Structures are given as structure tokens and as C-alpha cells.
Amino acid sequence: MSQSLLQPGTLWARLLAQTDHALRCGALQPIPTADERIEQNGIHFILRILATLARKDQAGEAQSRQAAGAGFNPFLPYEEDLFVADISATHLCLLNKFNVLDHHLLIVTREFEQQENRLNLDDFEALWTCMAEFEALAFYNSGRIAGASQPHKHLQMVPLPLAPAGPSIPIEPVIAAARFEGPVGTAPQLPFVHAIARLEPGWLQSPQEAAAATLELYNQMLLVTGLAAAGIQPAPYNLLATRQWLLLVPRSRESFESVSINALGFAGALLVRNESQARVIREQGPLTVLRQGAMPLPETQLPKVL
């Protein structure tokens, strides 16, 4: 494990200061949304409808042109106006340029690694170094089918709560009702293959201890969900983490009826590009949409209400 380069208790202040700077110089380009709530199976989902994607689409087209010519990677080199902090010898922290949520951080490997690669001890140590600084939801989209937009390995982290009203994370009451047989459990309300693990609050005192324990749980979750045997590259999945729990969801496809799904969707926060996609979620129901993007449970194992 690499030694931490982040002075404890400084990340939040650095995040605020860099956000202010990046907004003033135009490096940070937030995307506004119109938000609403949709209830299904007792879960109060957040639906965010993007006001505009013009800037992000233009940037994506420019990146595609660069990538076609010379293997473009926005993290190598990274945009200096988005740099927040060095975390360790292996990871650093950047602002998400096109953020929907305020203070959205990217935890990026210094050297190129594939986004589909297994998470390792250094990844989890960098994650826990940041998670010890403030209450947040962290997540990982393992590959394009899981919603990753960049091939360079990066975890993501957003402060809590995700919305002013309701639970800090919409899915949290479901996680609290999970049933466990050993260290890994499942939640009866979720109609797709998944695994949940509880974390120890005391791990926050030592990112090294937390990293080792979380890595062990992560590997168990990969096994119990059938994603990968030991030493084999996992199939696509989303991983979500708070200070209290982990949720891992294997993926079958990236979208359902044009609605793209990433890890935040499985936290209960769905993002759509337009009113047409919002209508799909309202009519089908958020859990139905998520089930189509995940590995569905057999009909005999589905919750009674959907």
C-alpha cells in the first residue's frame, strides 16, 4: 500500500476552494436539472432531467475525434484547473468537469489502468482516505456496460445527502432491511441479482485497515454474484459504497429503452437526457428499468409488488 499524501481534515476545504476557482475560470461546467420524486415499492427515487447536454456533447465529440487519432485520455494529462488533491503515490483527486451533483469528485489512478480491471488494495485505500474526510456516496462503474464513460480507471464520490428531503440515499432503507447469511447479504425489495456487505465504523480511523477489509468483502461479493472466480476478470458491474455498507450489482446491458443506467441509478438517483426518457421511467417504474439493466432475478424470486 502507498503512503497517503493527503493531510487529514483538508479535503473538504480544498474541494470548496477548487470548485470556486474552476467555476470562475470556466473549467467546471455544471449541468442543471429539473428534479422530481417517483415512489415504487416504498423507495422514493430521485429522477433528474437534464436541462441541456450541449456542452458535454460538444466535448464528447471533440474527445472522440482526438481518440480516433492518438488514444486521447482526459486524465493523462488531467486539466490542472480541476485538480483537487494528491491522495497517494497511485491516485489523485479531480473535479468532475460536467457535474450534475455539486462537489462531484473523481478518484483517478496516476498511471493508466483499464476501467474494467478489478479494484485493488491501492484503489480501496485511496477511496477510504477520501471517505474519511466527509459523508459521501462512492461508486464505481466497471466498464461501458456498467455506465463508464472513460476507459481510464477512476472511482467517483459525491457528498451526502443526494437530495434535501428524504433519506440521504433513496436506497438506504432497503439496504437497512437486508438479510444476511455470513458477511454478504441481499435485500428482498431489489428485483435483480446483487450483494450487500456491512462495514465497520471503526475502519474510518485507518484507511489501510479499511482497504484490506473492504477488498476481502469485495472479492466475496464478486464470487457470490457469479461475476468472477478468483483471478478472473469480472463481468460488468456497479459498486456503491458508504461508510456503512457496500452494494454490488452485476450488469447485463448499459441502457433500457434509451435510458442509460450507471451506479447512481442503483442508489435510487436516475438521470435522463430529456422528457421522453423521463416518461419511460414514470410509466415502467424505476425498479423495472433497473432490473432490465442488471441481471434480473427469476420471476419466482421477484418481490410481490413492482
C-alpha atoms as a PDB file:
ATOM      1  CA  MET A   1       0.000   0.000   0.000  1.00  0.00           C
ATOM      2  CA  SER A   2       1.215   3.517  -0.780  1.00  0.00           C
ATOM      3  CA  GLN A   3       1.613   6.221   1.841  1.00  0.00           C
ATOM      4  CA  SER A   4      -1.153   8.828   1.992  1.00  0.00           C
ATOM      5  CA  LEU A   5      -0.233  12.259   0.595  1.00  0.00           C
ATOM      6  CA  LEU A   6      -3.484  13.878   1.743  1.00  0.00           C
ATOM      7  CA  GLN A   7      -3.307  15.682   5.074  1.00  0.00           C
ATOM      8  CA  PRO A   8      -6.288  14.518   7.163  1.00  0.00           C
ATOM      9  CA  GLY A   9      -9.085  17.069   7.571  1.00  0.00           C
ATOM     10  CA  THR A  10      -8.167  19.122   4.483  1.00  0.00           C
ATOM     11  CA  LEU A  11     -10.086  17.576   1.566  1.00  0.00           C
ATOM     12  CA  TRP A  12     -13.402  19.408   2.048  1.00  0.00           C
ATOM     13  CA  ALA A  13     -11.758  22.851   2.211  1.00  0.00           C
ATOM     14  CA  ARG A  14      -9.634  22.049  -0.848  1.00  0.00           C
ATOM     15  CA  LEU A  15     -12.723  20.813  -2.682  1.00  0.00           C
ATOM     16  CA  LEU A  16     -14.623  24.040  -1.968  1.00  0.00           C
ATOM     17  CA  ALA A  17     -11.692  26.254  -2.947  1.00  0.00           C
ATOM     18  CA  GLN A  18     -11.015  24.389  -6.196  1.00  0.00           C
ATOM     19  CA  THR A  19     -14.697  24.361  -7.106  1.00  0.00           C
ATOM     20  CA  ASP A  20     -14.818  28.149  -6.724  1.00  0.00           C
ATOM     21  CA  HIS A  21     -11.690  28.542  -8.859  1.00  0.00           C
ATOM     22  CA  ALA A  22     -12.869  26.114 -11.548  1.00  0.00           C
ATOM     23  CA  LEU A  23     -16.247  27.832 -11.820  1.00  0.00           C
ATOM     24  CA  ARG A  24     -14.636  31.258 -12.159  1.00  0.00           C
ATOM     25  CA  CYS A  25     -12.236  30.165 -14.898  1.00  0.00           C
ATOM     26  CA  GLY A  26     -14.818  28.050 -16.733  1.00  0.00           C
ATOM     27  CA  ALA A  27     -13.068  24.696 -16.294  1.00  0.00           C
ATOM     28  CA  LEU A  28     -16.027  23.353 -14.296  1.00  0.00           C
ATOM     29  CA  GLN A  29     -19.270  23.299 -16.281  1.00  0.00           C
ATOM     30  CA  PRO A  30     -22.212  22.157 -14.118  1.00  0.00           C
ATOM     31  CA  ILE A  31     -25.281  20.807 -15.908  1.00  0.00           C
ATOM     32  CA  PRO A  32     -28.607  21.946 -14.365  1.00  0.00           C
ATOM     33  CA  THR A  33     -31.503  19.532 -13.882  1.00  0.00           C
ATOM     34  CA  ALA A  34     -35.189  19.530 -13.059  1.00  0.00           C
ATOM     35  CA  ASP A  35     -35.784  17.054 -10.232  1.00  0.00           C
ATOM     36  CA  GLU A  36     -38.802  15.032  -9.172  1.00  0.00           C
ATOM     37  CA  ARG A  37     -39.618  12.037  -6.936  1.00  0.00           C
ATOM     38  CA  ILE A  38     -41.089   8.720  -8.036  1.00  0.00           C
ATOM     39  CA  GLU A  39     -42.177   6.152  -5.433  1.00  0.00           C
ATOM     40  CA  GLN A  40     -42.073   2.407  -6.087  1.00  0.00           C
ATOM     41  CA  ASN A  41     -42.029  -0.428  -3.532  1.00  0.00           C
ATOM     42  CA  GLY A  42     -41.571   2.141  -0.770  1.00  0.00           C
ATOM     43  CA  ILE A  43     -38.451   3.609  -2.374  1.00  0.00           C
ATOM     44  CA  HIS A  44     -38.601   7.329  -3.152  1.00  0.00           C
ATOM     45  CA  PHE A  45     -36.453   7.551  -6.264  1.00  0.00           C
ATOM     46  CA  ILE A  46     -34.930  10.820  -7.445  1.00  0.00           C
ATOM     47  CA  LEU A  47     -35.458  11.469 -11.156  1.00  0.00           C
ATOM     48  CA  ARG A  48     -33.252  14.185 -12.630  1.00  0.00           C
ATOM     49  CA  ILE A  49     -33.977  15.531 -16.108  1.00  0.00           C
ATOM     50  CA  LEU A  50     -31.051  17.335 -17.701  1.00  0.00           C
ATOM     51  CA  ALA A  51     -31.748  20.879 -18.815  1.00  0.00           C
ATOM     52  CA  THR A  52     -29.059  20.728 -21.506  1.00  0.00           C
ATOM     53  CA  LEU A  53     -26.261  18.478 -22.625  1.00  0.00           C
ATOM     54  CA  ALA A  54     -24.956  20.680 -25.419  1.00  0.00           C
ATOM     55  CA  ARG A  55     -21.601  21.457 -23.768  1.00  0.00           C
ATOM     56  CA  LYS A  56     -20.967  17.869 -22.728  1.00  0.00           C
ATOM     57  CA  ASP A  57     -21.972  16.531 -26.141  1.00  0.00           C
ATOM     58  CA  GLN A  58     -19.636  19.004 -27.858  1.00  0.00           C
ATOM     59  CA  ALA A  59     -16.796  17.977 -25.545  1.00  0.00           C
ATOM     60  CA  GLY A  60     -17.566  14.308 -26.188  1.00  0.00           C
ATOM     61  CA  GLU A  61     -17.419  14.833 -29.943  1.00  0.00           C
ATOM     62  CA  ALA A  62     -14.067  16.615 -29.592  1.00  0.00           C
ATOM     63  CA  GLN A  63     -12.732  13.795 -27.416  1.00  0.00           C
ATOM     64  CA  SER A  64     -13.915  11.219 -29.953  1.00  0.00           C
ATOM     65  CA  ARG A  65     -12.022  12.999 -32.729  1.00  0.00           C
ATOM     66  CA  GLN A  66      -8.875  13.111 -30.593  1.00  0.00           C
ATOM     67  CA  ALA A  67      -9.258   9.487 -29.530  1.00  0.00           C
ATOM     68  CA  ALA A  68      -9.514   8.372 -33.138  1.00  0.00           C
ATOM     69  CA  GLY A  69      -6.128   9.950 -33.819  1.00  0.00           C
ATOM     70  CA  ALA A  70      -3.958   9.388 -30.781  1.00  0.00           C
ATOM     71  CA  GLY A  71      -5.613   7.467 -27.942  1.00  0.00           C
ATOM     72  CA  PHE A  72      -6.920  10.549 -26.135  1.00  0.00           C
ATOM     73  CA  ASN A  73      -7.213  10.295 -22.342  1.00  0.00           C
ATOM     74  CA  PRO A  74      -8.664  13.282 -20.393  1.00  0.00           C
ATOM     75  CA  PHE A  75      -6.883  12.066 -17.220  1.00  0.00           C
ATOM     76  CA  LEU A  76      -3.415  11.923 -18.822  1.00  0.00           C
ATOM     77  CA  PRO A  77      -2.689  14.743 -18.611  1.00  0.00           C
ATOM     78  CA  TYR A  78      -5.538  15.989 -16.438  1.00  0.00           C
ATOM     79  CA  GLU A  79      -6.894  19.542 -16.611  1.00  0.00           C
ATOM     80  CA  GLU A  80      -4.965  21.398 -13.897  1.00  0.00           C
ATOM     81  CA  ASP A  81      -7.885  23.699 -13.066  1.00  0.00           C
ATOM     82  CA  LEU A  82      -9.838  20.592 -11.994  1.00  0.00           C
ATOM     83  CA  PHE A  83      -7.104  19.196  -9.716  1.00  0.00           C
ATOM     84  CA  VAL A  84      -8.164  18.955  -6.045  1.00  0.00           C
ATOM     85  CA  ALA A  85      -5.534  16.920  -4.201  1.00  0.00           C
ATOM     86  CA  ASP A  86      -2.910  14.220  -4.289  1.00  0.00           C
ATOM     87  CA  ILE A  87      -4.222  11.194  -2.421  1.00  0.00           C
ATOM     88  CA  SER A  88      -1.315   8.756  -2.644  1.00  0.00           C
ATOM     89  CA  ALA A  89       1.539   7.701  -4.901  1.00  0.00           C
ATOM     90  CA  THR A  90      -1.037   5.825  -7.016  1.00  0.00           C
ATOM     91  CA  HIS A  91      -4.120   8.086  -7.003  1.00  0.00           C
ATOM     92  CA  LEU A  92      -5.180  11.730  -7.218  1.00  0.00           C
ATOM     93  CA  CYS A  93      -8.471  13.593  -6.923  1.00  0.00           C
ATOM     94  CA  LEU A  94     -10.146  15.714  -9.641  1.00  0.00           C
ATOM     95  CA  LEU A  95     -13.415  17.578 -10.037  1.00  0.00           C
ATOM     96  CA  ASN A  96     -15.903  16.039 -12.452  1.00  0.00           C
ATOM     97  CA  LYS A  97     -15.914  18.616 -15.265  1.00  0.00           C
ATOM     98  CA  PHE A  98     -19.561  18.167 -16.277  1.00  0.00           C
ATOM     99  CA  ASN A  99     -21.153  17.678 -12.869  1.00  0.00           C
ATOM    100  CA  VAL A 100     -24.839  17.231 -12.174  1.00  0.00           C
ATOM    101  CA  LEU A 101     -24.290  16.962  -8.402  1.00  0.00           C
ATOM    102  CA  ASP A 102     -22.280  19.607  -6.545  1.00  0.00           C
ATOM    103  CA  HIS A 103     -18.731  18.700  -5.463  1.00  0.00           C
ATOM    104  CA  HIS A 104     -18.589  15.531  -7.556  1.00  0.00           C
ATOM    105  CA  LEU A 105     -15.084  14.052  -7.202  1.00  0.00           C
ATOM    106  CA  LEU A 106     -13.137  11.600  -9.343  1.00  0.00           C
ATOM    107  CA  ILE A 107     -10.534   9.347  -7.689  1.00  0.00           C
ATOM    108  CA  VAL A 108      -8.183   8.609 -10.590  1.00  0.00           C
ATOM    109  CA  THR A 109      -5.168   6.325 -10.975  1.00  0.00           C
ATOM    110  CA  ARG A 110      -1.996   8.253 -11.846  1.00  0.00           C
ATOM    111  CA  GLU A 111      -0.948   5.602 -14.357  1.00  0.00           C
ATOM    112  CA  PHE A 112      -3.329   4.240 -16.950  1.00  0.00           C
ATOM    113  CA  GLU A 113      -5.347   1.198 -15.899  1.00  0.00           C
ATOM    114  CA  GLN A 114      -8.409  -0.194 -17.653  1.00  0.00           C
ATOM    115  CA  GLN A 115     -11.722   0.733 -16.064  1.00  0.00           C
ATOM    116  CA  GLU A 116     -12.765  -2.922 -16.264  1.00  0.00           C
ATOM    117  CA  ASN A 117      -9.828  -4.039 -14.073  1.00  0.00           C
ATOM    118  CA  ARG A 118     -10.550  -5.440 -10.645  1.00  0.00           C
ATOM    119  CA  LEU A 119     -10.356  -2.922  -7.833  1.00  0.00           C
ATOM    120  CA  ASN A 120      -7.241  -3.492  -5.741  1.00  0.00           C
ATOM    121  CA  LEU A 121      -5.775  -2.556  -2.379  1.00  0.00           C
ATOM    122  CA  ASP A 122      -4.452   0.816  -3.601  1.00  0.00           C
ATOM    123  CA  ASP A 123      -7.873   1.702  -5.057  1.00  0.00           C
ATOM    124  CA  PHE A 124      -9.622   0.977  -1.770  1.00  0.00           C
ATOM    125  CA  GLU A 125      -7.001   2.799   0.276  1.00  0.00           C
ATOM    126  CA  ALA A 126      -7.421   5.907  -1.894  1.00  0.00           C
ATOM    127  CA  LEU A 127     -11.192   5.582  -1.575  1.00  0.00           C
ATOM    128  CA  TRP A 128     -11.127   5.286   2.217  1.00  0.00           C
ATOM    129  CA  THR A 129      -8.652   8.153   2.562  1.00  0.00           C
ATOM    130  CA  CYS A 130     -11.276  10.364   0.891  1.00  0.00           C
ATOM    131  CA  MET A 131     -14.315   8.779   2.568  1.00  0.00           C
ATOM    132  CA  ALA A 132     -12.815   9.528   5.987  1.00  0.00           C
ATOM    133  CA  GLU A 133     -12.980  13.256   5.164  1.00  0.00           C
ATOM    134  CA  PHE A 134     -16.768  13.701   4.846  1.00  0.00           C
ATOM    135  CA  GLU A 135     -20.016  11.728   4.478  1.00  0.00           C
ATOM    136  CA  ALA A 136     -20.311  10.627   0.876  1.00  0.00           C
ATOM    137  CA  LEU A 137     -21.513   8.009  -1.556  1.00  0.00           C
ATOM    138  CA  ALA A 138     -18.722   6.458  -3.607  1.00  0.00           C
ATOM    139  CA  PHE A 139     -19.284   4.368  -6.710  1.00  0.00           C
ATOM    140  CA  TYR A 140     -17.526   2.510  -9.499  1.00  0.00           C
ATOM    141  CA  ASN A 141     -18.832   1.781 -12.990  1.00  0.00           C
ATOM    142  CA  SER A 142     -16.864  -1.224 -14.226  1.00  0.00           C
ATOM    143  CA  GLY A 143     -16.818  -0.759 -17.993  1.00  0.00           C
ATOM    144  CA  ARG A 144     -19.144   0.740 -20.581  1.00  0.00           C
ATOM    145  CA  ILE A 145     -21.982  -1.706 -19.977  1.00  0.00           C
ATOM    146  CA  ALA A 146     -21.944  -0.501 -16.342  1.00  0.00           C
ATOM    147  CA  GLY A 147     -22.117   3.156 -17.424  1.00  0.00           C
ATOM    148  CA  ALA A 148     -18.434   4.155 -17.540  1.00  0.00           C
ATOM    149  CA  SER A 149     -17.733   6.991 -19.985  1.00  0.00           C
ATOM    150  CA  GLN A 150     -13.920   6.850 -19.746  1.00  0.00           C
ATOM    151  CA  PRO A 151     -11.604   3.808 -20.077  1.00  0.00           C
ATOM    152  CA  HIS A 152      -9.054   5.095 -17.507  1.00  0.00           C
ATOM    153  CA  LYS A 153      -9.740   3.590 -14.069  1.00  0.00           C
ATOM    154  CA  HIS A 154     -11.496   6.006 -11.719  1.00  0.00           C
ATOM    155  CA  LEU A 155     -13.861   5.795  -8.777  1.00  0.00           C
ATOM    156  CA  GLN A 156     -16.351   8.582  -8.071  1.00  0.00           C
ATOM    157  CA  MET A 157     -17.619  10.229  -4.915  1.00  0.00           C
ATOM    158  CA  VAL A 158     -20.467  12.664  -4.171  1.00  0.00           C
ATOM    159  CA  PRO A 159     -21.301  14.268  -0.802  1.00  0.00           C
ATOM    160  CA  LEU A 160     -24.440  13.259   1.055  1.00  0.00           C
ATOM    161  CA  PRO A 161     -27.344  13.800   1.085  1.00  0.00           C
ATOM    162  CA  LEU A 162     -28.176  13.279  -2.590  1.00  0.00           C
ATOM    163  CA  ALA A 163     -31.264  15.488  -2.191  1.00  0.00           C
ATOM    164  CA  PRO A 164     -32.511  17.898   0.524  1.00  0.00           C
ATOM    165  CA  ALA A 165     -35.554  15.792   1.536  1.00  0.00           C
ATOM    166  CA  GLY A 166     -35.932  12.112   2.374  1.00  0.00           C
ATOM    167  CA  PRO A 167     -33.170   9.598   3.176  1.00  0.00           C
ATOM    168  CA  SER A 168     -29.640  10.764   2.392  1.00  0.00           C
ATOM    169  CA  ILE A 169     -29.605   7.981  -0.247  1.00  0.00           C
ATOM    170  CA  PRO A 170     -33.013   6.793  -1.567  1.00  0.00           C
ATOM    171  CA  ILE A 171     -31.987   3.122  -1.465  1.00  0.00           C
ATOM    172  CA  GLU A 172     -30.777   3.306   2.155  1.00  0.00           C
ATOM    173  CA  PRO A 173     -33.957   1.934   3.838  1.00  0.00           C
ATOM    174  CA  VAL A 174     -33.751  -1.084   1.516  1.00  0.00           C
ATOM    175  CA  ILE A 175     -30.118  -1.698   2.491  1.00  0.00           C
ATOM    176  CA  ALA A 176     -31.082  -1.436   6.175  1.00  0.00           C
ATOM    177  CA  ALA A 177     -33.609  -4.268   5.679  1.00  0.00           C
ATOM    178  CA  ALA A 178     -31.074  -6.618   4.056  1.00  0.00           C
ATOM    179  CA  ARG A 179     -30.906 -10.230   5.201  1.00  0.00           C
ATOM    180  CA  PHE A 180     -27.501 -11.774   5.866  1.00  0.00           C
ATOM    181  CA  GLU A 181     -26.087 -15.263   5.877  1.00  0.00           C
ATOM    182  CA  GLY A 182     -22.492 -14.608   6.793  1.00  0.00           C
ATOM    183  CA  PRO A 183     -20.757 -11.358   5.750  1.00  0.00           C
ATOM    184  CA  VAL A 184     -22.719 -10.904   2.497  1.00  0.00           C
ATOM    185  CA  GLY A 185     -26.490 -10.430   2.242  1.00  0.00           C
ATOM    186  CA  THR A 186     -29.323  -9.398  -0.068  1.00  0.00           C
ATOM    187  CA  ALA A 187     -32.318  -7.052   0.124  1.00  0.00           C
ATOM    188  CA  PRO A 188     -35.762  -8.632  -0.530  1.00  0.00           C
ATOM    189  CA  GLN A 189     -37.074  -5.488  -2.250  1.00  0.00           C
ATOM    190  CA  LEU A 190     -34.491  -5.489  -5.052  1.00  0.00           C
ATOM    191  CA  PRO A 191     -35.633  -7.438  -8.149  1.00  0.00           C
ATOM    192  CA  PHE A 192     -32.159  -8.111  -9.559  1.00  0.00           C
ATOM    193  CA  VAL A 193     -29.005 -10.006  -8.645  1.00  0.00           C
ATOM    194  CA  HIS A 194     -26.948  -8.102  -6.059  1.00  0.00           C
ATOM    195  CA  ALA A 195     -24.839  -8.432  -2.927  1.00  0.00           C
ATOM    196  CA  ILE A 196     -24.659  -6.238   0.188  1.00  0.00           C
ATOM    197  CA  ALA A 197     -21.960  -6.090   2.848  1.00  0.00           C
ATOM    198  CA  ARG A 198     -21.893  -4.160   6.107  1.00  0.00           C
ATOM    199  CA  LEU A 199     -18.826  -2.111   7.042  1.00  0.00           C
ATOM    200  CA  GLU A 200     -17.387  -1.318  10.467  1.00  0.00           C
ATOM    201  CA  PRO A 201     -17.452   2.382  11.530  1.00  0.00           C
ATOM    202  CA  GLY A 202     -14.104   1.978  13.281  1.00  0.00           C
ATOM    203  CA  TRP A 203     -12.387   1.344   9.946  1.00  0.00           C
ATOM    204  CA  LEU A 204     -12.515   5.093   9.273  1.00  0.00           C
ATOM    205  CA  GLN A 205      -9.656   5.529  11.728  1.00  0.00           C
ATOM    206  CA  SER A 206      -7.323   3.628   9.390  1.00  0.00           C
ATOM    207  CA  PRO A 207      -7.693   3.737   5.577  1.00  0.00           C
ATOM    208  CA  GLN A 208      -5.167   0.885   5.418  1.00  0.00           C
ATOM    209  CA  GLU A 209      -7.271  -1.371   7.659  1.00  0.00           C
ATOM    210  CA  ALA A 210     -10.461  -0.345   5.862  1.00  0.00           C
ATOM    211  CA  ALA A 211      -8.898  -1.054   2.460  1.00  0.00           C
ATOM    212  CA  ALA A 212      -7.805  -4.570   3.387  1.00  0.00           C
ATOM    213  CA  ALA A 213     -11.193  -5.461   4.918  1.00  0.00           C
ATOM    214  CA  THR A 214     -13.166  -3.916   2.035  1.00  0.00           C
ATOM    215  CA  LEU A 215     -11.063  -5.711  -0.573  1.00  0.00           C
ATOM    216  CA  GLU A 216     -11.853  -9.029   1.087  1.00  0.00           C
ATOM    217  CA  LEU A 217     -15.594  -8.268   1.107  1.00  0.00           C
ATOM    218  CA  TYR A 218     -15.483  -7.052  -2.493  1.00  0.00           C
ATOM    219  CA  ASN A 219     -13.903 -10.314  -3.644  1.00  0.00           C
ATOM    220  CA  GLN A 220     -16.556 -12.314  -1.766  1.00  0.00           C
ATOM    221  CA  MET A 221     -19.298 -10.251  -3.420  1.00  0.00           C
ATOM    222  CA  LEU A 222     -17.860 -10.918  -6.868  1.00  0.00           C
ATOM    223  CA  LEU A 223     -17.930 -14.631  -6.117  1.00  0.00           C
ATOM    224  CA  VAL A 224     -21.436 -14.857  -4.644  1.00  0.00           C
ATOM    225  CA  THR A 225     -22.967 -12.884  -7.524  1.00  0.00           C
ATOM    226  CA  GLY A 226     -21.280 -15.188 -10.037  1.00  0.00           C
ATOM    227  CA  LEU A 227     -19.272 -12.383 -11.632  1.00  0.00           C
ATOM    228  CA  ALA A 228     -15.852 -13.966 -11.470  1.00  0.00           C
ATOM    229  CA  ALA A 229     -13.826 -16.744  -9.941  1.00  0.00           C
ATOM    230  CA  ALA A 230     -10.621 -15.811  -8.140  1.00  0.00           C
ATOM    231  CA  GLY A 231      -8.082 -14.302 -10.505  1.00  0.00           C
ATOM    232  CA  ILE A 232     -10.520 -13.968 -13.424  1.00  0.00           C
ATOM    233  CA  GLN A 233     -11.541 -10.591 -14.841  1.00  0.00           C
ATOM    234  CA  PRO A 234     -15.088  -9.750 -13.614  1.00  0.00           C
ATOM    235  CA  ALA A 235     -18.040  -9.221 -15.917  1.00  0.00           C
ATOM    236  CA  PRO A 236     -19.535  -5.657 -15.861  1.00  0.00           C
ATOM    237  CA  TYR A 237     -20.933  -4.439 -12.542  1.00  0.00           C
ATOM    238  CA  ASN A 238     -21.604  -1.370 -10.415  1.00  0.00           C
ATOM    239  CA  LEU A 239     -20.199  -0.973  -6.911  1.00  0.00           C
ATOM    240  CA  LEU A 240     -21.579   1.551  -4.409  1.00  0.00           C
ATOM    241  CA  ALA A 241     -20.041   2.355  -1.018  1.00  0.00           C
ATOM    242  CA  THR A 242     -20.800   4.458   2.031  1.00  0.00           C
ATOM    243  CA  ARG A 243     -19.131   4.410   5.419  1.00  0.00           C
ATOM    244  CA  GLN A 244     -21.700   1.785   6.473  1.00  0.00           C
ATOM    245  CA  TRP A 245     -22.192  -0.584   3.509  1.00  0.00           C
ATOM    246  CA  LEU A 246     -21.259  -1.869   0.055  1.00  0.00           C
ATOM    247  CA  LEU A 247     -23.703  -2.759  -2.737  1.00  0.00           C
ATOM    248  CA  LEU A 248     -22.567  -4.669  -5.826  1.00  0.00           C
ATOM    249  CA  VAL A 249     -24.854  -5.133  -8.863  1.00  0.00           C
ATOM    250  CA  PRO A 250     -23.876  -7.243 -11.912  1.00  0.00           C
ATOM    251  CA  ARG A 251     -24.929  -5.669 -15.227  1.00  0.00           C
ATOM    252  CA  SER A 252     -26.461  -7.186 -18.340  1.00  0.00           C
ATOM    253  CA  ARG A 253     -26.775  -4.067 -20.506  1.00  0.00           C
ATOM    254  CA  GLU A 254     -25.989  -0.345 -20.381  1.00  0.00           C
ATOM    255  CA  SER A 255     -29.482   1.013 -21.068  1.00  0.00           C
ATOM    256  CA  PHE A 256     -33.181   0.231 -21.262  1.00  0.00           C
ATOM    257  CA  GLU A 257     -35.356   1.911 -23.926  1.00  0.00           C
ATOM    258  CA  SER A 258     -32.634   4.569 -24.424  1.00  0.00           C
ATOM    259  CA  VAL A 259     -32.344   5.297 -20.657  1.00  0.00           C
ATOM    260  CA  SER A 260     -28.698   4.871 -19.639  1.00  0.00           C
ATOM    261  CA  ILE A 261     -28.059   3.404 -16.180  1.00  0.00           C
ATOM    262  CA  ASN A 262     -24.961   3.800 -14.036  1.00  0.00           C
ATOM    263  CA  ALA A 263     -24.209   3.163 -10.365  1.00  0.00           C
ATOM    264  CA  LEU A 264     -26.198   6.179  -9.135  1.00  0.00           C
ATOM    265  CA  GLY A 265     -29.338   4.614 -10.570  1.00  0.00           C
ATOM    266  CA  PHE A 266     -28.935   1.704  -8.147  1.00  0.00           C
ATOM    267  CA  ALA A 267     -28.578   4.243  -5.325  1.00  0.00           C
ATOM    268  CA  GLY A 268     -32.055   5.464  -6.297  1.00  0.00           C
ATOM    269  CA  ALA A 269     -30.997   8.524  -8.326  1.00  0.00           C
ATOM    270  CA  LEU A 270     -31.795   8.210 -12.033  1.00  0.00           C
ATOM    271  CA  LEU A 271     -30.622  10.681 -14.663  1.00  0.00           C
ATOM    272  CA  VAL A 272     -32.256  11.182 -18.071  1.00  0.00           C
ATOM    273  CA  ARG A 273     -31.463  13.393 -21.034  1.00  0.00           C
ATOM    274  CA  ASN A 274     -34.989  14.531 -21.876  1.00  0.00           C
ATOM    275  CA  GLU A 275     -38.701  14.319 -21.128  1.00  0.00           C
ATOM    276  CA  SER A 276     -39.143  11.303 -23.409  1.00  0.00           C
ATOM    277  CA  GLN A 277     -36.729   9.251 -21.296  1.00  0.00           C
ATOM    278  CA  ALA A 278     -38.352  10.548 -18.104  1.00  0.00           C
ATOM    279  CA  ARG A 279     -41.683   9.235 -19.378  1.00  0.00           C
ATOM    280  CA  VAL A 280     -40.182   5.746 -19.748  1.00  0.00           C
ATOM    281  CA  ILE A 281     -39.222   5.725 -16.060  1.00  0.00           C
ATOM    282  CA  ARG A 282     -42.590   7.079 -14.913  1.00  0.00           C
ATOM    283  CA  GLU A 283     -44.527   4.527 -16.973  1.00  0.00           C
ATOM    284  CA  GLN A 284     -42.320   1.469 -16.423  1.00  0.00           C
ATOM    285  CA  GLY A 285     -41.278   2.259 -12.838  1.00  0.00           C
ATOM    286  CA  PRO A 286     -37.676   2.834 -11.691  1.00  0.00           C
ATOM    287  CA  LEU A 287     -37.204  -0.712 -10.350  1.00  0.00           C
ATOM    288  CA  THR A 288     -38.363  -2.187 -13.655  1.00  0.00           C
ATOM    289  CA  VAL A 289     -35.853  -0.039 -15.534  1.00  0.00           C
ATOM    290  CA  LEU A 290     -33.032  -1.004 -13.152  1.00  0.00           C
ATOM    291  CA  ARG A 291     -33.952  -4.682 -13.371  1.00  0.00           C
ATOM    292  CA  GLN A 292     -33.621  -4.546 -17.156  1.00  0.00           C
ATOM    293  CA  GLY A 293     -30.117  -3.100 -16.881  1.00  0.00           C
ATOM    294  CA  ALA A 294     -28.993  -5.509 -14.159  1.00  0.00           C
ATOM    295  CA  MET A 295     -29.017  -9.308 -14.008  1.00  0.00           C
ATOM    296  CA  PRO A 296     -32.745  -9.990 -13.415  1.00  0.00           C
ATOM    297  CA  LEU A 297     -33.880 -12.390 -10.740  1.00  0.00           C
ATOM    298  CA  PRO A 298     -36.077 -15.299 -11.905  1.00  0.00           C
ATOM    299  CA  GLU A 299     -39.799 -14.499 -11.859  1.00  0.00           C
ATOM    300  CA  THR A 300     -40.290 -16.827  -8.876  1.00  0.00           C
ATOM    301  CA  GLN A 301     -37.890 -14.738  -6.767  1.00  0.00           C
ATOM    302  CA  LEU A 302     -39.308 -11.297  -7.591  1.00  0.00           C
ATOM    303  CA  PRO A 303     -40.769  -9.055  -4.851  1.00  0.00           C
ATOM    304  CA  LYS A 304     -44.566  -9.255  -4.672  1.00  0.00           C
ATOM    305  CA  VAL A 305     -45.053  -5.619  -5.708  1.00  0.00           C
ATOM    306  CA  LEU A 306     -43.256  -3.932  -8.588  1.00  0.00           C
END
